[in-house]
PDB file of N, CA and C in Angstrom:
ATOM      1  N   MET A   1      18.637 100.452  30.567  1.00  0.00           N
ATOM      2  CA  MET A   1      17.260 100.130  30.255  1.00  0.00           C
ATOM      3  C   MET A   1      16.375 101.360  30.522  1.00  0.00           C
ATOM      4  N   ALA A   2      15.393 101.599  29.689  1.00  0.00           N
ATOM      5  CA  ALA A   2      14.540 102.787  29.791  1.00  0.00           C
ATOM      6  C   ALA A   2      13.718 102.799  31.073  1.00  0.00           C
ATOM      7  N   THR A   3      13.456 101.637  31.687  1.00  0.00           N
ATOM      8  CA  THR A   3      12.666 101.618  32.919  1.00  0.00           C
ATOM      9  C   THR A   3      13.471 102.138  34.105  1.00  0.00           C
ATOM     10  N   ASP A   4      14.798 102.268  33.965  1.00  0.00           N
ATOM     11  CA  ASP A   4      15.637 102.810  35.026  1.00  0.00           C
ATOM     12  C   ASP A   4      15.650 104.332  35.014  1.00  0.00           C
ATOM     13  N   LEU A   5      14.987 104.928  34.070  1.00  0.00           N
ATOM     14  CA  LEU A   5      14.987 106.386  33.928  1.00  0.00           C
ATOM     15  C   LEU A   5      13.995 107.014  34.896  1.00  0.00           C
ATOM     16  N   PRO A   6      14.215 108.276  35.276  1.00  0.00           N
ATOM     17  CA  PRO A   6      13.262 108.946  36.166  1.00  0.00           C
ATOM     18  C   PRO A   6      11.889 109.154  35.518  1.00  0.00           C
ATOM     19  N   ILE A   7      11.842 109.162  34.202  1.00  0.00           N
ATOM     20  CA  ILE A   7      10.572 109.197  33.459  1.00  0.00           C
ATOM     21  C   ILE A   7      10.613 107.981  32.538  1.00  0.00           C
ATOM     22  N   PRO A   8      10.062 106.841  32.981  1.00  0.00           N
ATOM     23  CA  PRO A   8      10.234 105.583  32.239  1.00  0.00           C
ATOM     24  C   PRO A   8       9.819 105.635  30.777  1.00  0.00           C
ATOM     25  N   GLU A   9       8.759 106.318  30.426  1.00  0.00           N
ATOM     26  CA  GLU A   9       8.285 106.333  29.041  1.00  0.00           C
ATOM     27  C   GLU A   9       8.805 107.530  28.267  1.00  0.00           C
ATOM     28  N   ALA A  10       9.889 108.138  28.709  1.00  0.00           N
ATOM     29  CA  ALA A  10      10.426 109.354  28.086  1.00  0.00           C
ATOM     30  C   ALA A  10      10.729 109.168  26.601  1.00  0.00           C
ATOM     31  N   ASP A  11      11.089 107.971  26.195  1.00  0.00           N
ATOM     32  CA  ASP A  11      11.389 107.707  24.783  1.00  0.00           C
ATOM     33  C   ASP A  11      10.179 107.922  23.877  1.00  0.00           C
ATOM     34  N   HIS A  12       8.987 107.826  24.436  1.00  0.00           N
ATOM     35  CA  HIS A  12       7.770 107.877  23.628  1.00  0.00           C
ATOM     36  C   HIS A  12       6.924 109.119  23.869  1.00  0.00           C
ATOM     37  N   LEU A  13       7.386 110.004  24.724  1.00  0.00           N
ATOM     38  CA  LEU A  13       6.606 111.212  25.024  1.00  0.00           C
ATOM     39  C   LEU A  13       6.819 112.278  23.963  1.00  0.00           C
ATOM     40  N   PRO A  14       5.772 113.017  23.625  1.00  0.00           N
ATOM     41  CA  PRO A  14       5.948 114.183  22.760  1.00  0.00           C
ATOM     42  C   PRO A  14       6.807 115.221  23.489  1.00  0.00           C
ATOM     43  N   LEU A  15       7.462 116.061  22.743  1.00  0.00           N
ATOM     44  CA  LEU A  15       8.380 117.046  23.308  1.00  0.00           C
ATOM     45  C   LEU A  15       7.705 117.908  24.381  1.00  0.00           C
ATOM     46  N   GLY A  16       6.496 118.369  24.118  1.00  0.00           N
ATOM     47  CA  GLY A  16       5.796 119.226  25.090  1.00  0.00           C
ATOM     48  C   GLY A  16       5.590 118.543  26.425  1.00  0.00           C
ATOM     49  N   ASP A  17       5.192 117.275  26.414  1.00  0.00           N
ATOM     50  CA  ASP A  17       5.009 116.531  27.656  1.00  0.00           C
ATOM     51  C   ASP A  17       6.346 116.344  28.368  1.00  0.00           C
ATOM     52  N   LEU A  18       7.378 116.014  27.611  1.00  0.00           N
ATOM     53  CA  LEU A  18       8.686 115.783  28.210  1.00  0.00           C
ATOM     54  C   LEU A  18       9.214 117.060  28.867  1.00  0.00           C
ATOM     55  N   VAL A  19       9.089 118.192  28.176  1.00  0.00           N
ATOM     56  CA  VAL A  19       9.549 119.467  28.733  1.00  0.00           C
ATOM     57  C   VAL A  19       8.800 119.772  30.029  1.00  0.00           C
ATOM     58  N   HIS A  20       7.526 119.488  30.056  1.00  0.00           N
ATOM     59  CA  HIS A  20       6.733 119.721  31.266  1.00  0.00           C
ATOM     60  C   HIS A  20       7.208 118.813  32.402  1.00  0.00           C
ATOM     61  N   ARG A  21       7.445 117.563  32.117  1.00  0.00           N
ATOM     62  CA  ARG A  21       7.814 116.599  33.157  1.00  0.00           C
ATOM     63  C   ARG A  21       9.231 116.785  33.684  1.00  0.00           C
ATOM     64  N   ILE A  22      10.159 117.209  32.851  1.00  0.00           N
ATOM     65  CA  ILE A  22      11.538 117.336  33.332  1.00  0.00           C
ATOM     66  C   ILE A  22      11.677 118.466  34.343  1.00  0.00           C
ATOM     67  N   ARG A  23      10.689 119.339  34.425  1.00  0.00           N
ATOM     68  CA  ARG A  23      10.753 120.429  35.398  1.00  0.00           C
ATOM     69  C   ARG A  23      10.689 119.898  36.830  1.00  0.00           C
ATOM     70  N   ALA A  24      10.207 118.670  37.009  1.00  0.00           N
ATOM     71  CA  ALA A  24      10.122 118.077  38.345  1.00  0.00           C
ATOM     72  C   ALA A  24      11.401 117.337  38.727  1.00  0.00           C
ATOM     73  N   LEU A  25      12.336 117.191  37.798  1.00  0.00           N
ATOM     74  CA  LEU A  25      13.554 116.427  38.058  1.00  0.00           C
ATOM     75  C   LEU A  25      14.669 117.299  38.615  1.00  0.00           C
ATOM     76  N   ASP A  26      15.535 116.677  39.418  1.00  0.00           N
ATOM     77  CA  ASP A  26      16.740 117.366  39.860  1.00  0.00           C
ATOM     78  C   ASP A  26      17.807 117.233  38.779  1.00  0.00           C
ATOM     79  N   ALA A  27      18.982 117.830  39.010  1.00  0.00           N
ATOM     80  CA  ALA A  27      20.039 117.831  38.001  1.00  0.00           C
ATOM     81  C   ALA A  27      20.488 116.413  37.641  1.00  0.00           C
ATOM     82  N   ALA A  28      20.543 115.521  38.626  1.00  0.00           N
ATOM     83  CA  ALA A  28      20.971 114.143  38.355  1.00  0.00           C
ATOM     84  C   ALA A  28      19.964 113.432  37.448  1.00  0.00           C
ATOM     85  N   GLY A  29      18.671 113.659  37.683  1.00  0.00           N
ATOM     86  CA  GLY A  29      17.640 113.038  36.849  1.00  0.00           C
ATOM     87  C   GLY A  29      17.681 113.544  35.418  1.00  0.00           C
ATOM     88  N   VAL A  30      17.877 114.854  35.265  1.00  0.00           N
ATOM     89  CA  VAL A  30      17.977 115.435  33.921  1.00  0.00           C
ATOM     90  C   VAL A  30      19.204 114.875  33.214  1.00  0.00           C
ATOM     91  N   ARG A  31      20.331 114.744  33.932  1.00  0.00           N
ATOM     92  CA  ARG A  31      21.556 114.211  33.334  1.00  0.00           C
ATOM     93  C   ARG A  31      21.346 112.763  32.892  1.00  0.00           C
ATOM     94  N   ARG A  32      20.653 111.953  33.692  1.00  0.00           N
ATOM     95  CA  ARG A  32      20.392 110.556  33.298  1.00  0.00           C
ATOM     96  C   ARG A  32      19.560 110.503  32.027  1.00  0.00           C
ATOM     97  N   LEU A  33      18.531 111.343  31.960  1.00  0.00           N
ATOM     98  CA  LEU A  33      17.705 111.386  30.750  1.00  0.00           C
ATOM     99  C   LEU A  33      18.510 111.854  29.544  1.00  0.00           C
ATOM    100  N   LEU A  34      19.331 112.869  29.731  1.00  0.00           N
ATOM    101  CA  LEU A  34      20.137 113.396  28.637  1.00  0.00           C
ATOM    102  C   LEU A  34      21.118 112.340  28.127  1.00  0.00           C
ATOM    103  N   ASP A  35      21.803 111.664  29.034  1.00  0.00           N
ATOM    104  CA  ASP A  35      22.736 110.606  28.626  1.00  0.00           C
ATOM    105  C   ASP A  35      22.015 109.503  27.852  1.00  0.00           C
ATOM    106  N   HIS A  36      20.829 109.131  28.341  1.00  0.00           N
ATOM    107  CA  HIS A  36      20.046 108.088  27.663  1.00  0.00           C
ATOM    108  C   HIS A  36      19.605 108.553  26.272  1.00  0.00           C
ATOM    109  N   GLU A  37      19.129 109.797  26.188  1.00  0.00           N
ATOM    110  CA  GLU A  37      18.646 110.326  24.907  1.00  0.00           C
ATOM    111  C   GLU A  37      19.777 110.375  23.884  1.00  0.00           C
ATOM    112  N   VAL A  38      20.941 110.868  24.284  1.00  0.00           N
ATOM    113  CA  VAL A  38      22.081 110.971  23.361  1.00  0.00           C
ATOM    114  C   VAL A  38      22.530 109.585  22.914  1.00  0.00           C
ATOM    115  N   ALA A  39      22.481 108.596  23.807  1.00  0.00           N
ATOM    116  CA  ALA A  39      22.921 107.245  23.478  1.00  0.00           C
ATOM    117  C   ALA A  39      21.907 106.474  22.638  1.00  0.00           C
ATOM    118  N   HIS A  40      20.651 106.906  22.640  1.00  0.00           N
ATOM    119  CA  HIS A  40      19.621 106.128  21.940  1.00  0.00           C
ATOM    120  C   HIS A  40      19.021 106.907  20.766  1.00  0.00           C
ATOM    121  N   ALA A  41      17.956 107.625  21.000  1.00  0.00           N
ATOM    122  CA  ALA A  41      17.251 108.292  19.896  1.00  0.00           C
ATOM    123  C   ALA A  41      17.985 109.539  19.409  1.00  0.00           C
ATOM    124  N   ASN A  42      18.608 110.268  20.323  1.00  0.00           N
ATOM    125  CA  ASN A  42      19.351 111.485  20.003  1.00  0.00           C
ATOM    126  C   ASN A  42      18.515 112.478  19.192  1.00  0.00           C
ATOM    127  N   ARG A  43      17.272 112.705  19.664  1.00  0.00           N
ATOM    128  CA  ARG A  43      16.381 113.664  19.007  1.00  0.00           C
ATOM    129  C   ARG A  43      16.869 115.074  19.328  1.00  0.00           C
ATOM    130  N   PRO A  44      17.185 115.864  18.297  1.00  0.00           N
ATOM    131  CA  PRO A  44      17.770 117.192  18.546  1.00  0.00           C
ATOM    132  C   PRO A  44      16.940 118.081  19.462  1.00  0.00           C
ATOM    133  N   ALA A  45      15.646 118.145  19.267  1.00  0.00           N
ATOM    134  CA  ALA A  45      14.814 119.025  20.087  1.00  0.00           C
ATOM    135  C   ALA A  45      14.798 118.565  21.548  1.00  0.00           C
ATOM    136  N   VAL A  46      14.822 117.282  21.778  1.00  0.00           N
ATOM    137  CA  VAL A  46      14.824 116.755  23.144  1.00  0.00           C
ATOM    138  C   VAL A  46      16.168 117.044  23.806  1.00  0.00           C
ATOM    139  N   VAL A  47      17.257 116.832  23.074  1.00  0.00           N
ATOM    140  CA  VAL A  47      18.591 117.110  23.623  1.00  0.00           C
ATOM    141  C   VAL A  47      18.704 118.589  23.995  1.00  0.00           C
ATOM    142  N   VAL A  48      18.234 119.473  23.135  1.00  0.00           N
ATOM    143  CA  VAL A  48      18.282 120.909  23.420  1.00  0.00           C
ATOM    144  C   VAL A  48      17.467 121.228  24.672  1.00  0.00           C
ATOM    145  N   ALA A  49      16.272 120.670  24.787  1.00  0.00           N
ATOM    146  CA  ALA A  49      15.419 120.935  25.950  1.00  0.00           C
ATOM    147  C   ALA A  49      16.070 120.429  27.238  1.00  0.00           C
ATOM    148  N   LEU A  50      16.660 119.234  27.190  1.00  0.00           N
ATOM    149  CA  LEU A  50      17.305 118.681  28.385  1.00  0.00           C
ATOM    150  C   LEU A  50      18.532 119.503  28.779  1.00  0.00           C
ATOM    151  N   ARG A  51      19.310 119.919  27.806  1.00  0.00           N
ATOM    152  CA  ARG A  51      20.490 120.745  28.117  1.00  0.00           C
ATOM    153  C   ARG A  51      20.070 122.106  28.671  1.00  0.00           C
ATOM    154  N   ALA A  52      19.007 122.676  28.129  1.00  0.00           N
ATOM    155  CA  ALA A  52      18.513 123.961  28.632  1.00  0.00           C
ATOM    156  C   ALA A  52      18.050 123.819  30.082  1.00  0.00           C
ATOM    157  N   ARG A  53      17.374 122.730  30.391  1.00  0.00           N
ATOM    158  CA  ARG A  53      16.918 122.515  31.781  1.00  0.00           C
ATOM    159  C   ARG A  53      18.101 122.299  32.709  1.00  0.00           C
ATOM    160  N   GLU A  54      19.125 121.635  32.214  1.00  0.00           N
ATOM    161  CA  GLU A  54      20.334 121.424  33.003  1.00  0.00           C
ATOM    162  C   GLU A  54      20.972 122.780  33.365  1.00  0.00           C
ATOM    163  N   VAL A  55      21.030 123.683  32.394  1.00  0.00           N
ATOM    164  CA  VAL A  55      21.577 125.023  32.628  1.00  0.00           C
ATOM    165  C   VAL A  55      20.715 125.775  33.642  1.00  0.00           C
ATOM    166  N   GLU A  56      19.400 125.677  33.513  1.00  0.00           N
ATOM    167  CA  GLU A  56      18.495 126.338  34.462  1.00  0.00           C
ATOM    168  C   GLU A  56      18.754 125.854  35.885  1.00  0.00           C
ATOM    169  N   LEU A  57      18.910 124.534  36.051  1.00  0.00           N
ATOM    170  CA  LEU A  57      19.135 123.978  37.385  1.00  0.00           C
ATOM    171  C   LEU A  57      20.480 124.422  37.944  1.00  0.00           C
ATOM    172  N   ARG A  58      21.498 124.488  37.102  1.00  0.00           N
ATOM    173  CA  ARG A  58      22.816 124.962  37.558  1.00  0.00           C
ATOM    174  C   ARG A  58      22.773 126.437  37.929  1.00  0.00           C
ATOM    175  N   SER A  59      21.840 127.164  37.324  1.00  0.00           N
ATOM    176  CA  SER A  59      21.718 128.601  37.590  1.00  0.00           C
ATOM    177  C   SER A  59      20.837 128.894  38.799  1.00  0.00           C
ATOM    178  N   GLY A  60      20.380 127.872  39.480  1.00  0.00           N
ATOM    179  CA  GLY A  60      19.608 128.073  40.699  1.00  0.00           C
ATOM    180  C   GLY A  60      18.145 127.697  40.626  1.00  0.00           C
ATOM    181  N   ALA A  61      17.652 127.273  39.490  1.00  0.00           N
ATOM    182  CA  ALA A  61      16.243 126.865  39.403  1.00  0.00           C
ATOM    183  C   ALA A  61      16.022 125.637  40.292  1.00  0.00           C
ATOM    184  N   GLU A  62      14.848 125.549  40.845  1.00  0.00           N
ATOM    185  CA  GLU A  62      14.480 124.423  41.702  1.00  0.00           C
ATOM    186  C   GLU A  62      13.526 123.504  40.944  1.00  0.00           C
ATOM    187  N   PRO A  63      13.619 122.193  41.179  1.00  0.00           N
ATOM    188  CA  PRO A  63      12.631 121.291  40.574  1.00  0.00           C
ATOM    189  C   PRO A  63      11.231 121.632  41.080  1.00  0.00           C
ATOM    190  N   SER A  64      10.244 121.486  40.220  1.00  0.00           N
ATOM    191  CA  SER A  64       8.857 121.736  40.626  1.00  0.00           C
ATOM    192  C   SER A  64       8.402 120.594  41.525  1.00  0.00           C
ATOM    193  N   GLY A  65       7.269 120.734  42.109  1.00  0.00           N
ATOM    194  CA  GLY A  65       6.754 119.687  42.995  1.00  0.00           C
ATOM    195  C   GLY A  65       5.960 118.631  42.273  1.00  0.00           C
ATOM    196  N   GLY A  66       5.925 118.680  40.959  1.00  0.00           N
ATOM    197  CA  GLY A  66       5.124 117.721  40.202  1.00  0.00           C
ATOM    198  C   GLY A  66       5.703 116.322  40.212  1.00  0.00           C
ATOM    199  N   ASN A  67       4.932 115.398  39.683  1.00  0.00           N
ATOM    200  CA  ASN A  67       5.351 114.005  39.594  1.00  0.00           C
ATOM    201  C   ASN A  67       5.678 113.701  38.137  1.00  0.00           C
ATOM    202  N   PRO A  68       6.965 113.487  37.796  1.00  0.00           N
ATOM    203  CA  PRO A  68       7.310 113.244  36.396  1.00  0.00           C
ATOM    204  C   PRO A  68       6.764 111.932  35.850  1.00  0.00           C
ATOM    205  N   ALA A  69       6.351 111.028  36.713  1.00  0.00           N
ATOM    206  CA  ALA A  69       5.817 109.743  36.260  1.00  0.00           C
ATOM    207  C   ALA A  69       4.291 109.746  36.186  1.00  0.00           C
ATOM    208  N   ALA A  70       3.660 110.896  36.407  1.00  0.00           N
ATOM    209  CA  ALA A  70       2.198 110.974  36.375  1.00  0.00           C
ATOM    210  C   ALA A  70       1.678 110.721  34.964  1.00  0.00           C
ATOM    211  N   THR A  71       0.408 110.419  34.876  1.00  0.00           N
ATOM    212  CA  THR A  71      -0.226 110.179  33.588  1.00  0.00           C
ATOM    213  C   THR A  71      -0.142 111.416  32.717  1.00  0.00           C
ATOM    214  N   SER A  72       0.158 111.221  31.473  1.00  0.00           N
ATOM    215  CA  SER A  72       0.273 112.312  30.523  1.00  0.00           C
ATOM    216  C   SER A  72      -1.087 112.904  30.209  1.00  0.00           C
ATOM    217  N   ALA A  73      -1.101 114.193  29.965  1.00  0.00           N
ATOM    218  CA  ALA A  73      -2.343 114.841  29.555  1.00  0.00           C
ATOM    219  C   ALA A  73      -2.794 114.323  28.200  1.00  0.00           C
ATOM    220  N   ALA A  74      -1.862 113.817  27.404  1.00  0.00           N
ATOM    221  CA  ALA A  74      -2.196 113.300  26.081  1.00  0.00           C
ATOM    222  C   ALA A  74      -2.838 111.928  26.151  1.00  0.00           C
ATOM    223  N   GLN A  75      -2.736 111.264  27.284  1.00  0.00           N
ATOM    224  CA  GLN A  75      -3.332 109.949  27.413  1.00  0.00           C
ATOM    225  C   GLN A  75      -4.784 110.091  27.843  1.00  0.00           C
ATOM    226  N   ALA A  76      -5.625 109.309  27.245  1.00  0.00           N
ATOM    227  CA  ALA A  76      -7.035 109.328  27.617  1.00  0.00           C
ATOM    228  C   ALA A  76      -7.198 108.629  28.962  1.00  0.00           C
ATOM    229  N   PRO A  77      -8.138 109.076  29.775  1.00  0.00           N
ATOM    230  CA  PRO A  77      -8.372 108.380  31.037  1.00  0.00           C
ATOM    231  C   PRO A  77      -8.949 106.999  30.758  1.00  0.00           C
ATOM    232  N   PRO A  78      -8.823 106.088  31.702  1.00  0.00           N
ATOM    233  CA  PRO A  78      -9.377 104.754  31.480  1.00  0.00           C
ATOM    234  C   PRO A  78     -10.891 104.825  31.303  1.00  0.00           C
ATOM    235  N   PRO A  79     -11.441 103.939  30.508  1.00  0.00           N
ATOM    236  CA  PRO A  79     -12.893 103.980  30.284  1.00  0.00           C
ATOM    237  C   PRO A  79     -13.656 103.655  31.561  1.00  0.00           C
ATOM    238  N   GLN A  80     -14.778 104.311  31.720  1.00  0.00           N
ATOM    239  CA  GLN A  80     -15.643 104.042  32.862  1.00  0.00           C
ATOM    240  C   GLN A  80     -16.718 103.057  32.418  1.00  0.00           C
ATOM    241  N   ALA A  81     -17.231 102.316  33.366  1.00  0.00           N
ATOM    242  CA  ALA A  81     -18.281 101.352  33.044  1.00  0.00           C
ATOM    243  C   ALA A  81     -19.514 102.111  32.550  1.00  0.00           C
ATOM    244  N   ALA A  82     -20.066 101.645  31.458  1.00  0.00           N
ATOM    245  CA  ALA A  82     -21.257 102.291  30.899  1.00  0.00           C
ATOM    246  C   ALA A  82     -22.465 101.948  31.766  1.00  0.00           C
ATOM    247  N   PRO A  83     -23.331 102.910  31.986  1.00  0.00           N
ATOM    248  CA  PRO A  83     -24.527 102.598  32.762  1.00  0.00           C
ATOM    249  C   PRO A  83     -25.429 101.644  31.978  1.00  0.00           C
ATOM    250  N   ALA A  84     -26.176 100.873  32.701  1.00  0.00           N
ATOM    251  CA  ALA A  84     -27.081  99.919  32.063  1.00  0.00           C
ATOM    252  C   ALA A  84     -28.172 100.667  31.293  1.00  0.00           C
ATOM    253  N   ALA A  85     -28.586 100.100  30.181  1.00  0.00           N
ATOM    254  CA  ALA A  85     -29.668 100.705  29.399  1.00  0.00           C
ATOM    255  C   ALA A  85     -30.976 100.545  30.155  1.00  0.00           C
ATOM    256  N   SER A  86     -31.831 101.539  30.020  1.00  0.00           N
ATOM    257  CA  SER A  86     -33.143 101.489  30.661  1.00  0.00           C
ATOM    258  C   SER A  86     -34.121 102.204  29.744  1.00  0.00           C
ATOM    259  N   PRO A  87     -35.402 102.056  29.996  1.00  0.00           N
ATOM    260  CA  PRO A  87     -36.372 102.782  29.165  1.00  0.00           C
ATOM    261  C   PRO A  87     -36.126 104.294  29.193  1.00  0.00           C
ATOM    262  N   ALA A  88     -35.577 104.799  30.262  1.00  0.00           N
ATOM    263  CA  ALA A  88     -35.318 106.224  30.353  1.00  0.00           C
ATOM    264  C   ALA A  88     -34.154 106.651  29.449  1.00  0.00           C
ATOM    265  N   THR A  89     -33.292 105.707  29.061  1.00  0.00           N
ATOM    266  CA  THR A  89     -32.124 106.067  28.251  1.00  0.00           C
ATOM    267  C   THR A  89     -32.234 105.636  26.798  1.00  0.00           C
ATOM    268  N   THR A  90     -33.345 105.005  26.412  1.00  0.00           N
ATOM    269  CA  THR A  90     -33.486 104.586  25.017  1.00  0.00           C
ATOM    270  C   THR A  90     -33.887 105.770  24.150  1.00  0.00           C
ATOM    271  N   GLY A  91     -33.545 105.694  22.889  1.00  0.00           N
ATOM    272  CA  GLY A  91     -33.876 106.753  21.947  1.00  0.00           C
ATOM    273  C   GLY A  91     -35.314 106.654  21.475  1.00  0.00           C
ATOM    274  N   PRO A  92     -35.733 107.606  20.670  1.00  0.00           N
ATOM    275  CA  PRO A  92     -37.100 107.574  20.150  1.00  0.00           C
ATOM    276  C   PRO A  92     -37.257 106.428  19.160  1.00  0.00           C
ATOM    277  N   PRO A  93     -38.496 105.990  18.919  1.00  0.00           N
ATOM    278  CA  PRO A  93     -38.703 104.914  17.947  1.00  0.00           C
ATOM    279  C   PRO A  93     -38.280 105.365  16.551  1.00  0.00           C
ATOM    280  N   GLN A  94     -37.745 104.458  15.792  1.00  0.00           N
ATOM    281  CA  GLN A  94     -37.271 104.754  14.445  1.00  0.00           C
ATOM    282  C   GLN A  94     -38.274 104.200  13.429  1.00  0.00           C
ATOM    283  N   ASN A  95     -38.633 105.002  12.464  1.00  0.00           N
ATOM    284  CA  ASN A  95     -39.498 104.546  11.373  1.00  0.00           C
ATOM    285  C   ASN A  95     -38.621 104.185  10.179  1.00  0.00           C
ATOM    286  N   PRO A  96     -39.064 103.211   9.365  1.00  0.00           N
ATOM    287  CA  PRO A  96     -38.281 102.893   8.176  1.00  0.00           C
ATOM    288  C   PRO A  96     -38.300 104.066   7.204  1.00  0.00           C
ATOM    289  N   PRO A  97     -37.341 104.135   6.316  1.00  0.00           N
ATOM    290  CA  PRO A  97     -37.333 105.225   5.335  1.00  0.00           C
ATOM    291  C   PRO A  97     -38.615 105.250   4.507  1.00  0.00           C
ATOM    292  N   SER A  98     -38.956 106.395   3.970  1.00  0.00           N
ATOM    293  CA  SER A  98     -40.210 106.558   3.235  1.00  0.00           C
ATOM    294  C   SER A  98     -40.262 105.677   1.992  1.00  0.00           C
ATOM    295  N   HIS A  99     -39.147 105.279   1.468  1.00  0.00           N
ATOM    296  CA  HIS A  99     -39.144 104.437   0.270  1.00  0.00           C
ATOM    297  C   HIS A  99     -39.194 102.958   0.609  1.00  0.00           C
ATOM    298  N   GLY A 100     -39.429 102.607   1.869  1.00  0.00           N
ATOM    299  CA  GLY A 100     -39.583 101.213   2.255  1.00  0.00           C
ATOM    300  C   GLY A 100     -38.370 100.694   3.000  1.00  0.00           C
ATOM    301  N   ASP A 101     -38.559  99.529   3.595  1.00  0.00           N
ATOM    302  CA  ASP A 101     -37.497  98.880   4.353  1.00  0.00           C
ATOM    303  C   ASP A 101     -36.866  97.823   3.457  1.00  0.00           C
ATOM    304  N   PRO A 102     -35.582  97.963   3.100  1.00  0.00           N
ATOM    305  CA  PRO A 102     -34.961  97.011   2.182  1.00  0.00           C
ATOM    306  C   PRO A 102     -34.869  95.597   2.735  1.00  0.00           C
ATOM    307  N   THR A 103     -35.038  95.437   4.049  1.00  0.00           N
ATOM    308  CA  THR A 103     -34.974  94.085   4.619  1.00  0.00           C
ATOM    309  C   THR A 103     -36.349  93.432   4.712  1.00  0.00           C
ATOM    310  N   ASN A 104     -37.393  94.142   4.325  1.00  0.00           N
ATOM    311  CA  ASN A 104     -38.741  93.623   4.398  1.00  0.00           C
ATOM    312  C   ASN A 104     -39.273  93.410   2.982  1.00  0.00           C
ATOM    313  N   PRO A 105     -39.390  92.143   2.513  1.00  0.00           N
ATOM    314  CA  PRO A 105     -39.853  91.903   1.141  1.00  0.00           C
ATOM    315  C   PRO A 105     -41.311  92.324   0.914  1.00  0.00           C
ATOM    316  N   ALA A 106     -42.111  92.440   1.979  1.00  0.00           N
ATOM    317  CA  ALA A 106     -43.510  92.835   1.809  1.00  0.00           C
ATOM    318  C   ALA A 106     -43.631  94.351   1.610  1.00  0.00           C
ATOM    319  N   GLN A 107     -42.533  95.063   1.766  1.00  0.00           N
ATOM    320  CA  GLN A 107     -42.554  96.515   1.621  1.00  0.00           C
ATOM    321  C   GLN A 107     -41.517  96.888   0.544  1.00  0.00           C
ATOM    322  N   PRO A 108     -41.879  96.828  -0.700  1.00  0.00           N
ATOM    323  CA  PRO A 108     -40.907  97.080  -1.777  1.00  0.00           C
ATOM    324  C   PRO A 108     -40.353  98.513  -1.725  1.00  0.00           C
ATOM    325  N   ARG A 109     -39.165  98.672  -2.297  1.00  0.00           N
ATOM    326  CA  ARG A 109     -38.505  99.971  -2.279  1.00  0.00           C
ATOM    327  C   ARG A 109     -38.895 100.799  -3.493  1.00  0.00           C
ATOM    328  N   GLY A 110     -39.773 100.492  -4.205  1.00  0.00           N
ATOM    329  CA  GLY A 110     -40.321 101.026  -5.344  1.00  0.00           C
ATOM    330  C   GLY A 110     -40.008 102.198  -6.038  1.00  0.00           C
TER     331      GLY A 110
END
């Protein structure tokens, strides 16, 4: 199951995000992701990136201190509550167009 992976949403991450996140994984985590990728989507660019990271780790590279499960930079932050409207935040008064207001029958569009 994909939730058992060290990066649960790895199946849906763009390649750039995935490459960034796998740098925080140890060799076992990269191997789990690679096995899952080959068994499921088998995206060539992802397989190449995972194998390259595996080679780096075998050659002495250390996992970064980052959190592979952190929010993606591609994801928008959650919306913040909008401040209440006040006279200080209202826009300027709007005048109807010079040719009249189409919703006002007393002011023809002539």
